[in-house]
Amino acid sequence: MLSIIKRVSCLLLTFSLGVIVGCCALVALSTTTGPRAAFIRQAWAATAAEQPTWAASHIKDGYYCLLSALKGKAQALTTKDGSYYAGDKVELHKRKGSGAQKWYIAKATGGCYTLKNARSDDYLSLRGKAKAGTRIEQVYLSSAAKAKSAQRFFIKSAQISGQTVYSLQPKTANAYQLAVNGNKNKEGADIKLTKAAPGQIELGCRFLLKKTSWKNSATRKGSDTFVQVDLSRQRLVMFKGGVKKLECDVIGGRPGKPTPRGTFRVFAKKHNYTMYGATYAAFTHYAMEFKTSYYLHDATWRNWKTRAKVGPSYYKKHGSHGCVNMSLSSAKKLNGLIKKGILVKITK
């Protein structure tokens, strides 16, 4: 009897040691650099296929849709509400194939790429310094010279379960990656920076690139030439043939004397024109009338540096009598760009 007990004890001891050794081997296989990396890999790396080798990608210049690789319906990187305006954040929305969901990826120096929105010609960028939680936005660079300063990204690819997925890492902070906030594939999810361990790409940082196309500006219809004024942002943009030609701050009507909202057409262009009211006479160099007695015009009496510092709320105390005020340089440029009959869309 004693002999049998000893044999059983030996078998149990051998089994226990085998389990311990096996567990240690599993942890060793899972560990990379540091405890956090080990945790990430053990958390979601269920198979060897989930532990990819990420390598620099060679992307051909062209238009692409960037889709989240998270499970669920295809969600594309796009600007908030398909916005034309610089400074607006980038979000995740259902794929519709609109221009706001198409990005022109172009090779830059150092193995990096720039991404320019097809609809607005604004560049994908960071809002402020790179750190965990930094928002992604679009930024307007008005000339080829300024475009050289556009944010650049490393684009890396890997094969996971037979699918090619990509990560985007800012050149200026390549320890960070673009990620879907909260790793949730939902409408309106923010795109933010996250910091991942070396060699690890968390689920929300995985994107798909889908080649697409966009009409050349020369072939676009006249409806792609218009002026847009957003009163909530106190910003004006002007497009010609679908290409943004001007974006600037404006000052709209003060409370009690609002700027009219709707769709209008410029029907008169006046130069060196004085406007008269019950309590004022205002000289303007360039005045473009879109509704009787309502103009897009320069306002040289405004302090535009203060306007820039205060931001969109400036109009609440220092707004116009209903016209859309602009700086002299912006009004001069707009006047040279537009013709009578151009559409003016004013929204809140």
Protein backbone atom coordinates (compact mmCIF):
# COMPACT_ATOMS: atom_id res chain seq x y z
CA MET A 1 0.00 0.00 0.00
CA LEU A 2 2.82 2.37 0.93
CA SER A 3 4.49 1.61 -2.39
CA ILE A 4 1.34 2.63 -4.31
CA ILE A 5 1.04 5.91 -2.38
CA LYS A 6 4.67 6.77 -3.20
CA ARG A 7 4.11 6.13 -6.92
CA VAL A 8 0.98 8.33 -6.99
CA SER A 9 2.86 11.09 -5.15
CA CYS A 10 5.67 10.97 -7.70
CA LEU A 11 3.20 11.17 -10.60
CA LEU A 12 1.43 14.21 -9.06
CA LEU A 13 4.77 15.93 -8.44
CA THR A 14 5.87 15.32 -12.03
CA PHE A 15 2.56 16.69 -13.40
CA SER A 16 2.78 19.81 -11.18
CA LEU A 17 6.32 20.54 -12.32
CA GLY A 18 5.23 20.15 -15.94
CA VAL A 19 2.42 22.65 -15.49
CA ILE A 20 4.75 25.17 -13.83
CA VAL A 21 7.37 24.82 -16.56
CA GLY A 22 4.67 25.16 -19.23
CA CYS A 23 3.30 28.34 -17.64
CA CYS A 24 6.78 29.83 -17.39
CA ALA A 25 7.36 29.04 -21.04
CA LEU A 26 4.09 30.76 -21.96
CA VAL A 27 5.07 33.90 -20.06
CA ALA A 28 8.53 33.83 -21.62
CA LEU A 29 7.03 33.59 -25.09
CA SER A 30 4.70 36.49 -24.29
CA THR A 31 7.28 38.83 -22.82
CA THR A 32 8.98 41.52 -24.96
CA THR A 33 10.38 44.66 -23.36
CA GLY A 34 9.16 45.62 -19.90
CA PRO A 35 6.12 44.52 -17.90
CA ARG A 36 3.59 46.61 -19.88
CA ALA A 37 4.62 45.04 -23.18
CA ALA A 38 4.24 41.61 -21.63
CA PHE A 39 0.78 42.52 -20.34
CA ILE A 40 -0.38 43.78 -23.73
CA ARG A 41 0.79 40.71 -25.53
CA GLN A 42 -0.75 38.37 -22.97
CA ALA A 43 -3.96 40.39 -23.02
CA TRP A 44 -4.76 40.15 -26.71
CA ALA A 45 -2.11 38.08 -28.47
CA ALA A 46 -4.06 34.83 -28.52
CA THR A 47 -2.07 33.28 -31.37
CA ALA A 48 1.25 33.73 -33.13
CA ALA A 49 -0.68 35.46 -35.95
CA GLU A 50 -1.61 38.18 -33.44
CA GLN A 51 2.09 38.86 -32.74
CA PRO A 52 3.07 40.43 -36.08
CA THR A 53 6.31 41.93 -37.23
CA TRP A 54 5.60 45.52 -38.21
CA ALA A 55 7.59 46.92 -41.10
CA ALA A 56 7.77 50.19 -43.03
CA SER A 57 5.21 50.29 -45.82
CA HIS A 58 5.77 51.52 -49.36
CA ILE A 59 2.56 53.31 -50.32
CA LYS A 60 2.06 54.69 -53.80
CA ASP A 61 0.96 58.32 -53.94
CA GLY A 62 -2.79 58.52 -54.39
CA TYR A 63 -6.20 58.77 -52.76
CA TYR A 64 -7.12 56.32 -50.01
CA CYS A 65 -9.87 55.69 -47.48
CA LEU A 66 -8.57 54.86 -44.00
CA LEU A 67 -10.86 52.39 -42.28
CA SER A 68 -10.69 51.18 -38.70
CA ALA A 69 -9.82 47.48 -38.47
CA LEU A 70 -11.99 47.11 -35.36
CA LYS A 71 -14.85 44.66 -35.70
CA GLY A 72 -18.19 45.95 -36.98
CA LYS A 73 -19.38 48.01 -39.94
CA ALA A 74 -16.67 49.80 -41.93
CA GLN A 75 -15.93 53.14 -40.29
CA ALA A 76 -13.73 55.68 -42.08
CA LEU A 77 -11.48 58.48 -40.87
CA THR A 78 -13.18 61.73 -41.77
CA THR A 79 -13.46 65.33 -40.64
CA LYS A 80 -16.20 66.29 -38.20
CA ASP A 81 -19.42 66.71 -40.21
CA GLY A 82 -17.33 66.52 -43.40
CA SER A 83 -15.96 69.94 -42.49
CA TYR A 84 -14.03 72.28 -44.77
CA TYR A 85 -12.56 74.17 -41.83
CA ALA A 86 -9.04 74.03 -40.46
CA GLY A 87 -8.79 73.07 -36.80
CA ASP A 88 -11.73 70.67 -36.91
CA LYS A 89 -11.13 67.28 -35.37
CA VAL A 90 -10.90 63.98 -37.21
CA GLU A 91 -13.42 61.31 -36.28
CA LEU A 92 -14.72 57.89 -37.26
CA HIS A 93 -17.93 57.72 -39.33
CA LYS A 94 -19.75 55.23 -41.52
CA ARG A 95 -18.09 54.84 -44.88
CA LYS A 96 -19.98 56.85 -47.50
CA GLY A 97 -17.24 57.54 -50.01
CA SER A 98 -17.51 61.33 -49.63
CA GLY A 99 -14.55 63.59 -50.34
CA ALA A 100 -14.12 64.21 -46.61
CA GLN A 101 -13.38 60.49 -46.19
CA LYS A 102 -10.69 60.42 -48.86
CA TRP A 103 -7.08 61.30 -48.14
CA TYR A 104 -4.27 61.95 -50.58
CA ILE A 105 -1.24 60.10 -49.26
CA ALA A 106 2.04 61.43 -50.64
CA LYS A 107 5.57 60.32 -49.91
CA ALA A 108 7.70 62.85 -48.04
CA THR A 109 11.33 62.77 -46.96
CA GLY A 110 12.74 60.27 -44.48
CA GLY A 111 10.40 57.45 -45.42
CA CYS A 112 7.38 59.38 -44.15
CA TYR A 113 4.07 60.43 -45.70
CA THR A 114 1.69 63.39 -45.59
CA LEU A 115 -2.10 62.97 -45.68
CA LYS A 116 -4.25 65.66 -47.28
CA ASN A 117 -8.05 65.65 -47.16
CA ALA A 118 -9.56 65.48 -50.64
CA ARG A 119 -12.50 67.72 -49.82
CA SER A 120 -10.76 70.57 -48.04
CA ASP A 121 -7.09 70.15 -49.00
CA ASP A 122 -6.29 70.41 -45.28
CA TYR A 123 -3.58 68.18 -43.84
CA LEU A 124 -3.90 65.55 -41.13
CA SER A 125 -2.11 66.90 -38.09
CA LEU A 126 -1.83 66.90 -34.29
CA ARG A 127 -3.55 69.40 -32.04
CA GLY A 128 -0.66 70.53 -29.87
CA LYS A 129 2.27 68.50 -28.57
CA ALA A 130 2.35 64.74 -28.93
CA LYS A 131 1.20 62.95 -25.79
CA ALA A 132 -1.34 60.31 -24.90
CA GLY A 133 -4.79 61.71 -25.68
CA THR A 134 -3.66 64.40 -28.14
CA ARG A 135 -6.46 64.95 -30.67
CA ILE A 136 -6.02 64.64 -34.41
CA GLU A 137 -7.25 67.53 -36.55
CA GLN A 138 -6.91 69.01 -40.02
CA VAL A 139 -4.73 72.06 -40.60
CA TYR A 140 -4.83 74.52 -43.51
CA LEU A 141 -1.52 75.25 -45.26
CA SER A 142 -2.21 77.96 -47.81
CA SER A 143 0.79 77.52 -50.09
CA ALA A 144 3.22 74.93 -51.42
CA ALA A 145 5.94 76.45 -49.26
CA LYS A 146 3.87 76.08 -46.09
CA ALA A 147 2.80 72.57 -47.11
CA LYS A 148 6.41 71.48 -46.60
CA SER A 149 5.79 71.86 -42.87
CA ALA A 150 2.82 69.45 -42.90
CA GLN A 151 2.77 66.75 -40.25
CA ARG A 152 4.51 63.61 -41.46
CA PHE A 153 3.68 60.05 -40.51
CA PHE A 154 5.43 56.71 -40.65
CA ILE A 155 3.04 54.15 -42.10
CA LYS A 156 3.82 50.58 -41.05
CA SER A 157 2.10 47.38 -42.08
CA ALA A 158 1.73 43.82 -40.86
CA GLN A 159 -0.19 40.66 -41.69
CA ILE A 160 -2.74 39.62 -39.06
CA SER A 161 -4.94 36.61 -39.74
CA GLY A 162 -4.31 36.98 -43.48
CA GLN A 163 -5.23 40.69 -43.55
CA THR A 164 -2.84 43.62 -44.09
CA VAL A 165 -3.30 46.26 -41.42
CA TYR A 166 -1.50 49.59 -40.99
CA SER A 167 -0.39 51.87 -38.17
CA LEU A 168 0.26 55.63 -38.44
CA GLN A 169 2.98 57.12 -36.27
CA PRO A 170 3.93 60.84 -36.22
CA LYS A 171 7.53 61.36 -37.30
CA THR A 172 8.06 63.86 -34.50
CA ALA A 173 6.88 61.34 -31.89
CA ASN A 174 7.04 57.85 -33.32
CA ALA A 175 6.47 56.22 -29.93
CA TYR A 176 2.83 57.28 -30.40
CA GLN A 177 0.24 55.96 -32.81
CA LEU A 178 -3.12 57.12 -34.10
CA ALA A 179 -5.88 55.24 -32.32
CA VAL A 180 -9.66 55.06 -32.17
CA ASN A 181 -10.57 56.51 -28.79
CA GLY A 182 -11.71 53.76 -26.45
CA ASN A 183 -11.09 51.06 -29.08
CA LYS A 184 -14.80 51.28 -29.93
CA ASN A 185 -15.99 51.16 -33.53
CA LYS A 186 -18.78 53.69 -33.15
CA GLU A 187 -20.11 56.71 -35.01
CA GLY A 188 -18.28 59.91 -34.08
CA ALA A 189 -15.43 58.25 -32.17
CA ASP A 190 -12.46 60.59 -31.77
CA ILE A 191 -9.05 59.80 -33.24
CA LYS A 192 -6.34 60.42 -30.67
CA LEU A 193 -2.72 59.53 -29.98
CA THR A 194 -1.87 56.58 -27.79
CA LYS A 195 1.47 55.30 -26.59
CA ALA A 196 2.11 51.60 -27.14
CA ALA A 197 5.03 49.43 -26.15
CA PRO A 198 7.75 48.89 -28.76
CA GLY A 199 6.68 46.46 -31.46
CA GLN A 200 3.09 46.36 -30.24
CA ILE A 201 0.08 47.78 -32.05
CA GLU A 202 -3.07 47.72 -29.95
CA LEU A 203 -6.41 46.93 -31.55
CA GLY A 204 -7.59 50.54 -31.93
CA CYS A 205 -4.37 51.48 -33.75
CA ARG A 206 -4.98 49.13 -36.67
CA PHE A 207 -6.30 50.61 -39.91
CA LEU A 208 -7.04 49.41 -43.42
CA LEU A 209 -6.05 51.37 -46.54
CA LYS A 210 -8.48 51.22 -49.46
CA LYS A 211 -7.33 52.73 -52.77
CA THR A 212 -9.90 55.14 -54.20
CA SER A 213 -10.10 58.08 -56.62
CA TRP A 214 -11.05 61.74 -56.69
CA LYS A 215 -11.94 63.92 -59.66
CA ASN A 216 -9.30 66.36 -60.81
CA SER A 217 -10.26 69.92 -59.87
CA ALA A 218 -10.28 70.96 -63.52
CA THR A 219 -13.17 68.60 -64.26
CA ARG A 220 -15.36 69.53 -61.32
CA LYS A 221 -18.64 71.37 -61.75
CA GLY A 222 -19.28 75.03 -60.98
CA SER A 223 -21.16 74.02 -57.82
CA ASP A 224 -17.74 73.39 -56.29
CA THR A 225 -17.02 77.15 -56.47
CA PHE A 226 -18.57 79.00 -53.54
CA VAL A 227 -18.03 80.99 -50.35
CA GLN A 228 -18.91 79.36 -47.03
CA VAL A 229 -19.33 81.37 -43.82
CA ASP A 230 -19.70 79.43 -40.56
CA LEU A 231 -21.00 81.80 -37.89
CA SER A 232 -20.38 79.38 -35.03
CA ARG A 233 -16.70 79.25 -35.94
CA GLN A 234 -16.63 82.81 -37.27
CA ARG A 235 -14.68 81.51 -40.27
CA LEU A 236 -14.92 81.97 -44.02
CA VAL A 237 -13.64 79.59 -46.69
CA MET A 238 -13.68 80.06 -50.45
CA PHE A 239 -13.48 77.16 -52.89
CA LYS A 240 -12.80 77.34 -56.58
CA GLY A 241 -13.29 74.15 -58.56
CA GLY A 242 -13.34 72.19 -55.31
CA VAL A 243 -9.95 73.57 -54.21
CA LYS A 244 -9.72 75.78 -51.15
CA LYS A 245 -8.31 79.17 -52.13
CA LEU A 246 -8.90 81.15 -48.94
CA GLU A 247 -9.69 80.57 -45.30
CA CYS A 248 -9.83 83.38 -42.76
CA ASP A 249 -11.34 84.75 -39.55
CA VAL A 250 -14.42 86.92 -39.83
CA ILE A 251 -16.60 88.95 -37.47
CA GLY A 252 -20.33 88.49 -37.89
CA GLY A 253 -23.32 90.42 -36.62
CA ARG A 254 -23.59 91.09 -32.90
CA PRO A 255 -26.52 89.77 -30.82
CA GLY A 256 -29.60 91.73 -31.87
CA LYS A 257 -28.14 92.47 -35.31
CA PRO A 258 -27.41 88.98 -36.66
CA THR A 259 -25.90 88.09 -40.00
CA PRO A 260 -28.60 86.49 -42.16
CA ARG A 261 -28.32 82.75 -42.64
CA GLY A 262 -29.07 80.88 -45.84
CA THR A 263 -27.84 80.65 -49.43
CA PHE A 264 -27.26 83.86 -51.37
CA ARG A 265 -25.41 85.15 -54.42
CA VAL A 266 -23.07 88.10 -54.68
CA PHE A 267 -24.85 90.60 -56.93
CA ALA A 268 -22.62 93.67 -56.53
CA LYS A 269 -18.91 94.32 -56.02
CA LYS A 270 -17.93 97.80 -54.82
CA HIS A 271 -14.52 99.40 -54.45
CA ASN A 272 -13.67 102.29 -52.08
CA TYR A 273 -17.24 102.34 -50.87
CA THR A 274 -18.60 104.12 -47.76
CA MET A 275 -21.48 102.56 -45.85
CA TYR A 276 -23.80 104.80 -43.87
CA GLY A 277 -25.95 104.00 -40.86
CA ALA A 278 -27.84 106.01 -38.28
CA THR A 279 -24.75 106.35 -36.11
CA TYR A 280 -21.83 105.58 -38.39
CA ALA A 281 -20.10 106.01 -41.73
CA ALA A 282 -17.71 103.18 -42.58
CA PHE A 283 -15.22 103.34 -45.43
CA THR A 284 -14.39 100.02 -47.10
CA HIS A 285 -11.90 99.13 -49.80
CA TYR A 286 -13.73 95.98 -50.96
CA ALA A 287 -17.43 95.33 -50.42
CA MET A 288 -19.28 92.34 -51.94
CA GLU A 289 -23.05 92.57 -51.53
CA PHE A 290 -24.89 89.25 -51.11
CA LYS A 291 -28.21 90.57 -49.76
CA THR A 292 -29.55 94.12 -49.87
CA SER A 293 -27.40 96.15 -47.43
CA TYR A 294 -25.45 93.06 -46.30
CA TYR A 295 -21.84 92.74 -47.44
CA LEU A 296 -18.67 90.72 -47.17
CA HIS A 297 -16.21 93.59 -46.62
CA ASP A 298 -12.95 94.68 -45.04
CA ALA A 299 -13.06 96.38 -41.66
CA THR A 300 -9.77 98.20 -41.11
CA TRP A 301 -11.04 99.72 -37.85
CA ARG A 302 -11.01 96.26 -36.25
CA ASN A 303 -8.08 94.97 -34.20
CA TRP A 304 -7.58 91.62 -35.95
CA LYS A 305 -4.79 90.50 -33.62
CA THR A 306 -7.17 90.84 -30.68
CA ARG A 307 -9.85 89.04 -32.69
CA ALA A 308 -7.46 86.13 -33.23
CA LYS A 309 -6.60 85.96 -29.52
CA VAL A 310 -10.21 86.13 -28.31
CA GLY A 311 -11.46 83.66 -30.88
CA PRO A 312 -14.94 83.04 -32.30
CA SER A 313 -16.75 84.66 -29.34
CA TYR A 314 -15.33 88.09 -30.23
CA TYR A 315 -18.48 89.05 -32.16
CA LYS A 316 -20.65 88.87 -29.03
CA LYS A 317 -19.25 92.17 -27.76
CA HIS A 318 -17.70 93.60 -30.91
CA GLY A 319 -19.88 92.24 -33.70
CA SER A 320 -20.98 94.06 -36.83
CA HIS A 321 -24.39 95.44 -37.79
CA GLY A 322 -25.01 92.24 -39.75
CA CYS A 323 -22.29 92.31 -42.40
CA VAL A 324 -19.42 89.83 -42.51
CA ASN A 325 -16.27 91.75 -41.55
CA MET A 326 -12.86 90.66 -42.85
CA SER A 327 -9.29 91.88 -42.61
CA LEU A 328 -8.14 94.06 -45.52
CA SER A 329 -5.79 91.40 -46.91
CA SER A 330 -8.49 88.71 -46.81
CA ALA A 331 -11.14 90.96 -48.38
CA LYS A 332 -8.73 91.96 -51.15
CA LYS A 333 -7.93 88.34 -51.92
CA LEU A 334 -11.59 87.29 -51.87
CA ASN A 335 -12.56 90.17 -54.13
CA GLY A 336 -9.96 89.03 -56.66
CA LEU A 337 -11.12 85.42 -56.52
CA ILE A 338 -14.86 85.79 -56.98
CA LYS A 339 -17.21 87.03 -59.65
CA LYS A 340 -20.74 88.32 -59.37
CA GLY A 341 -23.18 85.47 -59.07
CA ILE A 342 -21.02 83.26 -56.85
CA LEU A 343 -22.88 81.32 -54.17
CA VAL A 344 -22.52 82.43 -50.55
CA LYS A 345 -23.58 79.85 -47.98
CA ILE A 346 -23.99 81.17 -44.44
CA THR A 347 -24.59 78.69 -41.65
CA LYS A 348 -24.77 78.82 -37.86
